[in-house]
Amino acid sequence: MTTRDMLKEALQLDPAQRFALAEEILHSLDKPDPAIDAIWIEEAERRLTAFRAGKVKGIPAEDVLGTR
């Protein structure tokens, strides 16, 4: 079965089934890497420590997202 054949069959599913299939496919691509997770945890802790010590200021979400 080719990719095109699979797509043709998938498009015949009802929307909820297509969504579930797409979600499963996307989740299969997201493999956690413990080494990268550890680096991000260290960075988050470093940033939180700096924020609590007053070394950096927070930026309001409205400014970051441009919703003002």
C-alpha atoms as a PDB file:
ATOM      1  CA  MET A   1       0.000   0.000   0.000  1.00  0.00           C
ATOM      2  CA  THR A   2       1.420   3.380  -0.962  1.00  0.00           C
ATOM      3  CA  THR A   3       1.252   6.594   1.024  1.00  0.00           C
ATOM      4  CA  ARG A   4      -1.260   7.934  -1.495  1.00  0.00           C
ATOM      5  CA  ASP A   5      -3.443   4.833  -0.948  1.00  0.00           C
ATOM      6  CA  MET A   6      -3.298   5.312   2.814  1.00  0.00           C
ATOM      7  CA  LEU A   7      -4.219   8.977   2.477  1.00  0.00           C
ATOM      8  CA  LYS A   8      -7.128   8.129   0.191  1.00  0.00           C
ATOM      9  CA  GLU A   9      -8.462   5.665   2.780  1.00  0.00           C
ATOM     10  CA  ALA A  10      -7.836   8.041   5.683  1.00  0.00           C
ATOM     11  CA  LEU A  11      -9.818  10.802   3.971  1.00  0.00           C
ATOM     12  CA  GLN A  12     -12.829   8.498   3.881  1.00  0.00           C
ATOM     13  CA  LEU A  13     -12.913   8.368   7.701  1.00  0.00           C
ATOM     14  CA  ASP A  14     -15.262  10.625   9.589  1.00  0.00           C
ATOM     15  CA  PRO A  15     -13.687  13.807  11.045  1.00  0.00           C
ATOM     16  CA  ALA A  16     -13.274  12.393  14.569  1.00  0.00           C
ATOM     17  CA  GLN A  17     -11.498   9.316  13.244  1.00  0.00           C
ATOM     18  CA  ARG A  18      -9.253  11.434  11.004  1.00  0.00           C
ATOM     19  CA  PHE A  19      -8.378  13.623  13.970  1.00  0.00           C
ATOM     20  CA  ALA A  20      -7.517  10.598  16.120  1.00  0.00           C
ATOM     21  CA  LEU A  21      -5.373   9.149  13.330  1.00  0.00           C
ATOM     22  CA  ALA A  22      -3.545  12.446  12.786  1.00  0.00           C
ATOM     23  CA  GLU A  23      -2.959  12.801  16.519  1.00  0.00           C
ATOM     24  CA  GLU A  24      -1.481   9.288  16.736  1.00  0.00           C
ATOM     25  CA  ILE A  25       0.825   9.967  13.793  1.00  0.00           C
ATOM     26  CA  LEU A  26       2.018  13.259  15.283  1.00  0.00           C
ATOM     27  CA  HIS A  27       2.628  11.679  18.693  1.00  0.00           C
ATOM     28  CA  SER A  28       4.695   8.952  17.043  1.00  0.00           C
ATOM     29  CA  LEU A  29       7.086  11.656  15.775  1.00  0.00           C
ATOM     30  CA  ASP A  30       7.594  13.262  19.185  1.00  0.00           C
ATOM     31  CA  LYS A  31      10.160  11.055  20.907  1.00  0.00           C
ATOM     32  CA  PRO A  32      11.383  12.609  24.175  1.00  0.00           C
ATOM     33  CA  ASP A  33      15.154  12.907  24.621  1.00  0.00           C
ATOM     34  CA  PRO A  34      16.130  12.740  28.316  1.00  0.00           C
ATOM     35  CA  ALA A  35      19.388  14.632  27.681  1.00  0.00           C
ATOM     36  CA  ILE A  36      17.560  17.553  26.044  1.00  0.00           C
ATOM     37  CA  ASP A  37      14.878  17.492  28.758  1.00  0.00           C
ATOM     38  CA  ALA A  38      17.619  17.755  31.423  1.00  0.00           C
ATOM     39  CA  ILE A  39      19.178  20.750  29.649  1.00  0.00           C
ATOM     40  CA  TRP A  40      15.799  22.527  29.492  1.00  0.00           C
ATOM     41  CA  ILE A  41      15.121  21.791  33.170  1.00  0.00           C
ATOM     42  CA  GLU A  42      18.494  23.314  34.113  1.00  0.00           C
ATOM     43  CA  GLU A  43      17.767  26.370  31.970  1.00  0.00           C
ATOM     44  CA  ALA A  44      14.293  26.823  33.463  1.00  0.00           C
ATOM     45  CA  GLU A  45      15.694  26.566  36.983  1.00  0.00           C
ATOM     46  CA  ARG A  46      18.469  29.064  36.141  1.00  0.00           C
ATOM     47  CA  ARG A  47      15.919  31.529  34.745  1.00  0.00           C
ATOM     48  CA  LEU A  48      13.577  31.117  37.727  1.00  0.00           C
ATOM     49  CA  THR A  49      16.450  31.681  40.160  1.00  0.00           C
ATOM     50  CA  ALA A  50      17.493  34.850  38.283  1.00  0.00           C
ATOM     51  CA  PHE A  51      13.890  36.101  38.266  1.00  0.00           C
ATOM     52  CA  ARG A  52      13.419  35.471  41.986  1.00  0.00           C
ATOM     53  CA  ALA A  53      16.729  37.211  42.741  1.00  0.00           C
ATOM     54  CA  GLY A  54      15.550  40.284  40.824  1.00  0.00           C
ATOM     55  CA  LYS A  55      18.283  39.934  38.182  1.00  0.00           C
ATOM     56  CA  VAL A  56      15.721  39.850  35.368  1.00  0.00           C
ATOM     57  CA  LYS A  57      12.212  41.221  35.006  1.00  0.00           C
ATOM     58  CA  GLY A  58       9.202  39.410  33.666  1.00  0.00           C
ATOM     59  CA  ILE A  59       7.466  40.576  30.516  1.00  0.00           C
ATOM     60  CA  PRO A  60       3.654  40.759  30.585  1.00  0.00           C
ATOM     61  CA  ALA A  61       2.016  38.162  28.359  1.00  0.00           C
ATOM     62  CA  GLU A  62       0.108  40.929  26.579  1.00  0.00           C
ATOM     63  CA  ASP A  63       3.406  42.449  25.451  1.00  0.00           C
ATOM     64  CA  VAL A  64       4.828  39.121  24.322  1.00  0.00           C
ATOM     65  CA  LEU A  65       1.680  38.076  22.472  1.00  0.00           C
ATOM     66  CA  GLY A  66       0.816  41.528  21.207  1.00  0.00           C
ATOM     67  CA  THR A  67      -2.738  41.366  22.519  1.00  0.00           C
ATOM     68  CA  ARG A  68      -2.918  44.923  23.838  1.00  0.00           C
END
